[in-house]
């Protein structure tokens, strides 16, 4: 009890000395809050997406109607991926987008930890339902890791209390995916990833889940899925914190 009271008073003092305001309602954040938003706004605006989604790429069908259960792109282009299913916690917009950007660009580990805690139950249910053997995070190249200082996927998974296998390497830097078109993204990741030799015996015949923070075109996770299948994995699933709805259509 005393420890909890001390922590609460310490957090309040930090809030007073370094004031922040809710990104949604503008309320001064003091005491119990989610680092970037008040508790109420976080719960209202950051919650699992419950609408219908494309069974191939996961895009919300109300935003890109095609021929249910496929979105327009997957229906018209007959798209296929090397993974069996993509799931995600929410859409990359509003407060969730602000939280992810502030976490990654602002290097706010505390916000990344809040994201991890928030998605934990939803992600664990997905892993259990699909009988996943291992979670494999998307890696950063060593130069990216030096620049950013942390792998956002590792931090989120740790905060979500989800064990993971760091079994993929990014062989070279590559161009920044966010600046490329769909076709350029696909070409940019070709040959970019390799599977660490020491994990190959562990993943043969296993059901694996690739984890990333954002799913946009799926080029990155699709390339990793292909390499994992070549290494002997049985089935690949993908789970991300958010699904982009701005640049993939």
C-alpha atoms as a PDB file:
ATOM      1  CA  UNK A   1       0.000   0.000   0.000  1.00  0.00           C
ATOM      2  CA  UNK A   2       2.787   2.438   0.967  1.00  0.00           C
ATOM      3  CA  UNK A   3       4.700   1.604  -2.216  1.00  0.00           C
ATOM      4  CA  UNK A   4       1.632   2.311  -4.367  1.00  0.00           C
ATOM      5  CA  UNK A   5       1.033   5.615  -2.596  1.00  0.00           C
ATOM      6  CA  UNK A   6       4.667   6.615  -3.006  1.00  0.00           C
ATOM      7  CA  UNK A   7       4.556   5.759  -6.724  1.00  0.00           C
ATOM      8  CA  UNK A   8       1.330   7.762  -7.178  1.00  0.00           C
ATOM      9  CA  UNK A   9       2.785  10.824  -5.412  1.00  0.00           C
ATOM     10  CA  UNK A  10       6.041  10.513  -7.377  1.00  0.00           C
ATOM     11  CA  UNK A  11       4.130  10.321 -10.678  1.00  0.00           C
ATOM     12  CA  UNK A  12       2.027  13.346  -9.733  1.00  0.00           C
ATOM     13  CA  UNK A  13       5.178  15.341  -8.965  1.00  0.00           C
ATOM     14  CA  UNK A  14       6.673  14.383 -12.336  1.00  0.00           C
ATOM     15  CA  UNK A  15       3.432  15.457 -14.046  1.00  0.00           C
ATOM     16  CA  UNK A  16       3.559  18.854 -12.335  1.00  0.00           C
ATOM     17  CA  UNK A  17       7.232  19.420 -13.144  1.00  0.00           C
ATOM     18  CA  UNK A  18       6.906  18.163 -16.757  1.00  0.00           C
ATOM     19  CA  UNK A  19       3.306  18.935 -17.703  1.00  0.00           C
ATOM     20  CA  UNK A  20       1.588  17.102 -20.567  1.00  0.00           C
ATOM     21  CA  UNK A  21      -1.942  17.307 -21.880  1.00  0.00           C
ATOM     22  CA  UNK A  22      -4.335  14.738 -23.325  1.00  0.00           C
ATOM     23  CA  UNK A  23      -3.912  14.536 -27.095  1.00  0.00           C
ATOM     24  CA  UNK A  24      -7.686  14.194 -27.470  1.00  0.00           C
ATOM     25  CA  UNK A  25      -9.501  16.345 -24.921  1.00  0.00           C
ATOM     26  CA  UNK A  26      -6.646  18.604 -23.815  1.00  0.00           C
ATOM     27  CA  UNK A  27      -7.016  17.735 -20.140  1.00  0.00           C
ATOM     28  CA  UNK A  28      -3.925  18.276 -17.946  1.00  0.00           C
ATOM     29  CA  UNK A  29      -2.459  14.830 -17.246  1.00  0.00           C
ATOM     30  CA  UNK A  30      -1.810  14.185 -13.575  1.00  0.00           C
ATOM     31  CA  UNK A  31      -1.880  10.985 -11.569  1.00  0.00           C
ATOM     32  CA  UNK A  32      -3.455   8.056 -13.388  1.00  0.00           C
ATOM     33  CA  UNK A  33      -3.192   8.461 -17.166  1.00  0.00           C
ATOM     34  CA  UNK A  34      -1.714   6.797 -20.280  1.00  0.00           C
ATOM     35  CA  UNK A  35       1.297   9.101 -20.860  1.00  0.00           C
ATOM     36  CA  UNK A  36      -0.179  10.792 -23.952  1.00  0.00           C
ATOM     37  CA  UNK A  37      -3.882  10.779 -23.122  1.00  0.00           C
ATOM     38  CA  UNK A  38      -6.172  10.686 -20.124  1.00  0.00           C
ATOM     39  CA  UNK A  39      -7.446   7.286 -19.038  1.00  0.00           C
ATOM     40  CA  UNK A  40     -10.937   7.956 -20.411  1.00  0.00           C
ATOM     41  CA  UNK A  41      -9.810   9.035 -23.893  1.00  0.00           C
ATOM     42  CA  UNK A  42      -7.328   6.166 -24.165  1.00  0.00           C
ATOM     43  CA  UNK A  43     -10.036   3.584 -23.443  1.00  0.00           C
ATOM     44  CA  UNK A  44     -12.505   5.237 -25.830  1.00  0.00           C
ATOM     45  CA  UNK A  45     -10.151   5.772 -28.767  1.00  0.00           C
ATOM     46  CA  UNK A  46      -7.693   2.870 -28.490  1.00  0.00           C
ATOM     47  CA  UNK A  47      -9.651  -0.358 -28.632  1.00  0.00           C
ATOM     48  CA  UNK A  48      -9.805  -3.438 -30.878  1.00  0.00           C
ATOM     49  CA  UNK A  49     -11.206  -2.937 -34.368  1.00  0.00           C
ATOM     50  CA  UNK A  50     -14.429  -4.947 -34.569  1.00  0.00           C
ATOM     51  CA  UNK A  51     -15.602  -4.271 -38.129  1.00  0.00           C
ATOM     52  CA  UNK A  52     -15.502  -6.626 -41.096  1.00  0.00           C
ATOM     53  CA  UNK A  53     -12.141  -6.940 -42.798  1.00  0.00           C
ATOM     54  CA  UNK A  54     -10.697  -8.459 -45.964  1.00  0.00           C
ATOM     55  CA  UNK A  55      -9.676 -12.065 -45.330  1.00  0.00           C
ATOM     56  CA  UNK A  56      -6.513 -11.593 -47.432  1.00  0.00           C
ATOM     57  CA  UNK A  57      -5.019  -8.234 -46.395  1.00  0.00           C
ATOM     58  CA  UNK A  58      -7.183  -7.266 -43.403  1.00  0.00           C
ATOM     59  CA  UNK A  59      -8.332  -3.955 -44.879  1.00  0.00           C
ATOM     60  CA  UNK A  60     -11.633  -2.690 -43.377  1.00  0.00           C
ATOM     61  CA  UNK A  61     -14.331  -3.598 -45.895  1.00  0.00           C
ATOM     62  CA  UNK A  62     -16.432  -0.531 -45.148  1.00  0.00           C
ATOM     63  CA  UNK A  63     -13.533   1.622 -46.439  1.00  0.00           C
ATOM     64  CA  UNK A  64     -12.787  -0.404 -49.579  1.00  0.00           C
ATOM     65  CA  UNK A  65     -15.836  -2.479 -50.535  1.00  0.00           C
ATOM     66  CA  UNK A  66     -15.176  -5.145 -53.123  1.00  0.00           C
ATOM     67  CA  UNK A  67     -16.766  -8.561 -53.139  1.00  0.00           C
ATOM     68  CA  UNK A  68     -17.059  -9.649 -49.525  1.00  0.00           C
ATOM     69  CA  UNK A  69     -15.047 -11.183 -47.923  1.00  0.00           C
ATOM     70  CA  UNK A  70     -12.411  -9.480 -50.137  1.00  0.00           C
ATOM     71  CA  UNK A  71     -11.561  -5.794 -50.431  1.00  0.00           C
ATOM     72  CA  UNK A  72     -11.492  -4.175 -53.870  1.00  0.00           C
ATOM     73  CA  UNK A  73      -7.733  -4.595 -54.359  1.00  0.00           C
ATOM     74  CA  UNK A  74      -7.615  -8.251 -53.342  1.00  0.00           C
ATOM     75  CA  UNK A  75     -10.696  -9.043 -55.435  1.00  0.00           C
ATOM     76  CA  UNK A  76      -9.548  -7.259 -58.593  1.00  0.00           C
ATOM     77  CA  UNK A  77      -5.837  -8.108 -58.400  1.00  0.00           C
ATOM     78  CA  UNK A  78      -6.290 -11.597 -56.930  1.00  0.00           C
ATOM     79  CA  UNK A  79      -3.612 -10.818 -54.375  1.00  0.00           C
ATOM     80  CA  UNK A  80      -1.949 -13.593 -52.415  1.00  0.00           C
ATOM     81  CA  UNK A  81       0.486 -13.550 -49.519  1.00  0.00           C
ATOM     82  CA  UNK A  82       2.888 -16.085 -48.043  1.00  0.00           C
ATOM     83  CA  UNK A  83       1.104 -15.844 -44.685  1.00  0.00           C
ATOM     84  CA  UNK A  84      -2.283 -17.372 -43.875  1.00  0.00           C
ATOM     85  CA  UNK A  85      -3.889 -14.513 -41.960  1.00  0.00           C
ATOM     86  CA  UNK A  86      -3.281 -10.926 -40.875  1.00  0.00           C
ATOM     87  CA  UNK A  87      -4.813  -9.600 -37.679  1.00  0.00           C
ATOM     88  CA  UNK A  88      -4.277  -6.344 -35.831  1.00  0.00           C
ATOM     89  CA  UNK A  89      -5.439  -4.467 -32.760  1.00  0.00           C
ATOM     90  CA  UNK A  90      -6.708  -1.233 -34.313  1.00  0.00           C
ATOM     91  CA  UNK A  91      -6.603   1.117 -37.278  1.00  0.00           C
ATOM     92  CA  UNK A  92      -3.657   3.449 -37.839  1.00  0.00           C
ATOM     93  CA  UNK A  93      -5.532   6.677 -37.266  1.00  0.00           C
ATOM     94  CA  UNK A  94      -6.530   9.029 -34.477  1.00  0.00           C
ATOM     95  CA  UNK A  95      -5.010   8.497 -31.045  1.00  0.00           C
ATOM     96  CA  UNK A  96      -3.426   5.144 -31.921  1.00  0.00           C
ATOM     97  CA  UNK A  97      -1.514   6.766 -34.792  1.00  0.00           C
ATOM     98  CA  UNK A  98      -0.401   9.615 -32.534  1.00  0.00           C
ATOM     99  CA  UNK A  99       0.722   7.143 -29.871  1.00  0.00           C
ATOM    100  CA  UNK A 100       2.784   5.023 -32.290  1.00  0.00           C
ATOM    101  CA  UNK A 101       4.413   8.068 -33.927  1.00  0.00           C
ATOM    102  CA  UNK A 102       5.233   9.658 -30.565  1.00  0.00           C
ATOM    103  CA  UNK A 103       6.664   6.357 -29.337  1.00  0.00           C
ATOM    104  CA  UNK A 104       8.882   5.775 -32.381  1.00  0.00           C
ATOM    105  CA  UNK A 105       9.833   9.301 -33.465  1.00  0.00           C
ATOM    106  CA  UNK A 106       9.888  10.826 -29.994  1.00  0.00           C
ATOM    107  CA  UNK A 107      11.593   7.720 -28.568  1.00  0.00           C
ATOM    108  CA  UNK A 108       9.043   7.572 -25.765  1.00  0.00           C
ATOM    109  CA  UNK A 109       9.523   4.116 -24.271  1.00  0.00           C
ATOM    110  CA  UNK A 110       6.766   4.790 -21.748  1.00  0.00           C
ATOM    111  CA  UNK A 111       4.190   5.129 -24.534  1.00  0.00           C
ATOM    112  CA  UNK A 112       5.452   1.952 -26.195  1.00  0.00           C
ATOM    113  CA  UNK A 113       4.942   0.146 -22.902  1.00  0.00           C
ATOM    114  CA  UNK A 114       1.370   1.448 -22.677  1.00  0.00           C
ATOM    115  CA  UNK A 115       0.707   0.185 -26.217  1.00  0.00           C
ATOM    116  CA  UNK A 116       2.061  -3.234 -25.266  1.00  0.00           C
ATOM    117  CA  UNK A 117      -0.101  -3.466 -22.153  1.00  0.00           C
ATOM    118  CA  UNK A 118      -3.165  -2.380 -24.142  1.00  0.00           C
ATOM    119  CA  UNK A 119      -2.859  -4.993 -26.896  1.00  0.00           C
ATOM    120  CA  UNK A 120      -1.732  -7.821 -24.609  1.00  0.00           C
ATOM    121  CA  UNK A 121      -5.028  -9.671 -24.073  1.00  0.00           C
ATOM    122  CA  UNK A 122      -6.166  -9.244 -27.688  1.00  0.00           C
ATOM    123  CA  UNK A 123      -2.828 -10.494 -29.038  1.00  0.00           C
ATOM    124  CA  UNK A 124      -2.639 -13.437 -26.614  1.00  0.00           C
ATOM    125  CA  UNK A 125      -6.144 -14.523 -27.619  1.00  0.00           C
ATOM    126  CA  UNK A 126      -5.087 -14.456 -31.285  1.00  0.00           C
ATOM    127  CA  UNK A 127      -2.005 -16.575 -30.537  1.00  0.00           C
ATOM    128  CA  UNK A 128      -4.008 -19.075 -28.494  1.00  0.00           C
ATOM    129  CA  UNK A 129      -6.836 -19.353 -31.028  1.00  0.00           C
ATOM    130  CA  UNK A 130      -4.391 -20.133 -33.838  1.00  0.00           C
ATOM    131  CA  UNK A 131      -2.125 -22.380 -31.721  1.00  0.00           C
ATOM    132  CA  UNK A 132       1.032 -20.402 -32.433  1.00  0.00           C
ATOM    133  CA  UNK A 133       4.363 -21.938 -31.437  1.00  0.00           C
ATOM    134  CA  UNK A 134       6.554 -18.840 -31.667  1.00  0.00           C
ATOM    135  CA  UNK A 135       6.287 -15.086 -32.159  1.00  0.00           C
ATOM    136  CA  UNK A 136       8.968 -13.568 -34.401  1.00  0.00           C
ATOM    137  CA  UNK A 137       9.335  -9.753 -34.453  1.00  0.00           C
ATOM    138  CA  UNK A 138      10.321  -7.820 -37.563  1.00  0.00           C
ATOM    139  CA  UNK A 139      14.005  -6.885 -37.128  1.00  0.00           C
ATOM    140  CA  UNK A 140      15.853  -3.613 -37.598  1.00  0.00           C
ATOM    141  CA  UNK A 141      19.163  -3.328 -39.407  1.00  0.00           C
ATOM    142  CA  UNK A 142      22.060  -2.632 -37.041  1.00  0.00           C
ATOM    143  CA  UNK A 143      22.373   0.931 -38.365  1.00  0.00           C
ATOM    144  CA  UNK A 144      18.653   1.557 -37.802  1.00  0.00           C
ATOM    145  CA  UNK A 145      19.007   0.170 -34.296  1.00  0.00           C
ATOM    146  CA  UNK A 146      21.907   2.524 -33.571  1.00  0.00           C
ATOM    147  CA  UNK A 147      19.931   5.510 -34.851  1.00  0.00           C
ATOM    148  CA  UNK A 148      16.684   4.732 -33.026  1.00  0.00           C
ATOM    149  CA  UNK A 149      18.264   3.143 -29.978  1.00  0.00           C
ATOM    150  CA  UNK A 150      15.666   0.394 -29.635  1.00  0.00           C
ATOM    151  CA  UNK A 151      13.579  -2.090 -31.601  1.00  0.00           C
ATOM    152  CA  UNK A 152       9.967  -0.981 -31.192  1.00  0.00           C
ATOM    153  CA  UNK A 153       8.659  -4.530 -31.698  1.00  0.00           C
ATOM    154  CA  UNK A 154      10.831  -5.907 -28.904  1.00  0.00           C
ATOM    155  CA  UNK A 155       9.708  -3.203 -26.490  1.00  0.00           C
ATOM    156  CA  UNK A 156       5.989  -3.670 -27.250  1.00  0.00           C
ATOM    157  CA  UNK A 157       6.185  -7.465 -26.955  1.00  0.00           C
ATOM    158  CA  UNK A 158       8.041  -7.249 -23.650  1.00  0.00           C
ATOM    159  CA  UNK A 159       5.458  -4.831 -22.247  1.00  0.00           C
ATOM    160  CA  UNK A 160       2.675  -7.147 -23.476  1.00  0.00           C
ATOM    161  CA  UNK A 161       4.389 -10.021 -21.620  1.00  0.00           C
ATOM    162  CA  UNK A 162       4.614 -12.088 -24.824  1.00  0.00           C
ATOM    163  CA  UNK A 163       7.742 -14.244 -25.315  1.00  0.00           C
ATOM    164  CA  UNK A 164       9.383 -13.955 -28.727  1.00  0.00           C
ATOM    165  CA  UNK A 165      12.152 -15.494 -30.804  1.00  0.00           C
ATOM    166  CA  UNK A 166      14.523 -12.963 -32.364  1.00  0.00           C
ATOM    167  CA  UNK A 167      15.193 -15.191 -35.358  1.00  0.00           C
ATOM    168  CA  UNK A 168      15.317 -12.919 -38.433  1.00  0.00           C
ATOM    169  CA  UNK A 169      18.112 -10.644 -39.610  1.00  0.00           C
ATOM    170  CA  UNK A 170      17.868  -7.595 -41.829  1.00  0.00           C
ATOM    171  CA  UNK A 171      20.830  -8.061 -44.164  1.00  0.00           C
ATOM    172  CA  UNK A 172      21.246  -4.458 -45.294  1.00  0.00           C
ATOM    173  CA  UNK A 173      19.640  -1.102 -44.611  1.00  0.00           C
ATOM    174  CA  UNK A 174      17.352  -0.739 -47.647  1.00  0.00           C
ATOM    175  CA  UNK A 175      15.326   2.350 -48.455  1.00  0.00           C
ATOM    176  CA  UNK A 176      12.718   3.603 -46.010  1.00  0.00           C
ATOM    177  CA  UNK A 177       9.463   1.801 -46.848  1.00  0.00           C
ATOM    178  CA  UNK A 178       7.237   4.719 -45.865  1.00  0.00           C
ATOM    179  CA  UNK A 179       8.670   6.800 -48.722  1.00  0.00           C
ATOM    180  CA  UNK A 180       8.017   4.217 -51.448  1.00  0.00           C
ATOM    181  CA  UNK A 181       5.073   3.198 -53.626  1.00  0.00           C
ATOM    182  CA  UNK A 182       3.498  -0.267 -53.339  1.00  0.00           C
ATOM    183  CA  UNK A 183       5.576  -1.710 -56.164  1.00  0.00           C
ATOM    184  CA  UNK A 184       8.749  -0.036 -54.895  1.00  0.00           C
ATOM    185  CA  UNK A 185       8.115  -1.469 -51.422  1.00  0.00           C
ATOM    186  CA  UNK A 186       7.814  -4.980 -52.826  1.00  0.00           C
ATOM    187  CA  UNK A 187      11.085  -4.663 -54.735  1.00  0.00           C
ATOM    188  CA  UNK A 188      12.842  -2.922 -51.848  1.00  0.00           C
ATOM    189  CA  UNK A 189      12.442  -5.885 -49.482  1.00  0.00           C
ATOM    190  CA  UNK A 190      13.453  -8.614 -51.958  1.00  0.00           C
ATOM    191  CA  UNK A 191      16.380 -10.482 -50.422  1.00  0.00           C
ATOM    192  CA  UNK A 192      16.416  -8.055 -47.491  1.00  0.00           C
ATOM    193  CA  UNK A 193      15.846 -10.645 -44.745  1.00  0.00           C
ATOM    194  CA  UNK A 194      17.464 -13.906 -43.756  1.00  0.00           C
ATOM    195  CA  UNK A 195      16.694 -16.509 -41.098  1.00  0.00           C
ATOM    196  CA  UNK A 196      19.290 -17.042 -38.375  1.00  0.00           C
ATOM    197  CA  UNK A 197      20.794 -20.497 -38.735  1.00  0.00           C
ATOM    198  CA  UNK A 198      20.545 -21.274 -35.029  1.00  0.00           C
ATOM    199  CA  UNK A 199      16.726 -21.134 -35.048  1.00  0.00           C
ATOM    200  CA  UNK A 200      16.052 -23.210 -38.171  1.00  0.00           C
ATOM    201  CA  UNK A 201      15.793 -26.507 -36.284  1.00  0.00           C
ATOM    202  CA  UNK A 202      13.325 -24.869 -33.867  1.00  0.00           C
ATOM    203  CA  UNK A 203      10.919 -23.574 -36.505  1.00  0.00           C
ATOM    204  CA  UNK A 204      10.659 -26.612 -38.798  1.00  0.00           C
ATOM    205  CA  UNK A 205       7.032 -27.710 -38.952  1.00  0.00           C
ATOM    206  CA  UNK A 206       5.964 -24.931 -36.533  1.00  0.00           C
ATOM    207  CA  UNK A 207       3.180 -22.368 -36.615  1.00  0.00           C
ATOM    208  CA  UNK A 208       4.737 -18.916 -36.435  1.00  0.00           C
ATOM    209  CA  UNK A 209       3.418 -15.402 -35.908  1.00  0.00           C
ATOM    210  CA  UNK A 210       5.327 -12.446 -37.360  1.00  0.00           C
ATOM    211  CA  UNK A 211       4.848  -9.295 -35.268  1.00  0.00           C
ATOM    212  CA  UNK A 212       5.196  -5.696 -36.482  1.00  0.00           C
ATOM    213  CA  UNK A 213       3.879  -2.343 -35.311  1.00  0.00           C
ATOM    214  CA  UNK A 214       2.100  -1.312 -38.545  1.00  0.00           C
ATOM    215  CA  UNK A 215       0.779  -3.218 -41.579  1.00  0.00           C
ATOM    216  CA  UNK A 216       0.628  -1.079 -44.724  1.00  0.00           C
ATOM    217  CA  UNK A 217       1.147  -3.033 -47.948  1.00  0.00           C
ATOM    218  CA  UNK A 218       2.376  -6.217 -46.300  1.00  0.00           C
ATOM    219  CA  UNK A 219       5.613  -6.288 -48.324  1.00  0.00           C
ATOM    220  CA  UNK A 220       7.904  -6.610 -45.313  1.00  0.00           C
ATOM    221  CA  UNK A 221       6.037  -9.354 -43.450  1.00  0.00           C
ATOM    222  CA  UNK A 222       5.345 -11.179 -46.725  1.00  0.00           C
ATOM    223  CA  UNK A 223       9.058 -11.333 -47.528  1.00  0.00           C
ATOM    224  CA  UNK A 224       9.853 -12.587 -44.017  1.00  0.00           C
ATOM    225  CA  UNK A 225       7.061 -15.166 -44.277  1.00  0.00           C
ATOM    226  CA  UNK A 226       8.540 -16.463 -47.532  1.00  0.00           C
ATOM    227  CA  UNK A 227      11.948 -16.916 -45.918  1.00  0.00           C
ATOM    228  CA  UNK A 228      10.449 -18.671 -42.887  1.00  0.00           C
ATOM    229  CA  UNK A 229       8.562 -21.100 -45.119  1.00  0.00           C
ATOM    230  CA  UNK A 230      11.758 -21.804 -47.078  1.00  0.00           C
ATOM    231  CA  UNK A 231      13.410 -22.584 -43.740  1.00  0.00           C
ATOM    232  CA  UNK A 232      10.747 -25.187 -43.002  1.00  0.00           C
ATOM    233  CA  UNK A 233       8.017 -23.382 -41.053  1.00  0.00           C
ATOM    234  CA  UNK A 234       4.555 -24.896 -41.472  1.00  0.00           C
ATOM    235  CA  UNK A 235       2.152 -21.938 -41.259  1.00  0.00           C
ATOM    236  CA  UNK A 236       2.718 -18.198 -40.916  1.00  0.00           C
ATOM    237  CA  UNK A 237       0.365 -15.667 -39.348  1.00  0.00           C
ATOM    238  CA  UNK A 238       0.849 -11.921 -38.939  1.00  0.00           C
ATOM    239  CA  UNK A 239      -0.227  -9.662 -36.091  1.00  0.00           C
ATOM    240  CA  UNK A 240       0.375  -5.902 -35.894  1.00  0.00           C
ATOM    241  CA  UNK A 241      -0.595  -3.138 -33.518  1.00  0.00           C
ATOM    242  CA  UNK A 242      -2.255  -1.170 -36.315  1.00  0.00           C
ATOM    243  CA  UNK A 243      -3.500  -1.516 -39.890  1.00  0.00           C
ATOM    244  CA  UNK A 244      -2.756   1.449 -42.165  1.00  0.00           C
ATOM    245  CA  UNK A 245      -5.815   2.866 -43.924  1.00  0.00           C
ATOM    246  CA  UNK A 246      -4.135   5.802 -45.649  1.00  0.00           C
ATOM    247  CA  UNK A 247      -1.347   4.639 -47.945  1.00  0.00           C
ATOM    248  CA  UNK A 248      -2.295   1.097 -48.933  1.00  0.00           C
ATOM    249  CA  UNK A 249      -5.314   2.004 -51.080  1.00  0.00           C
END
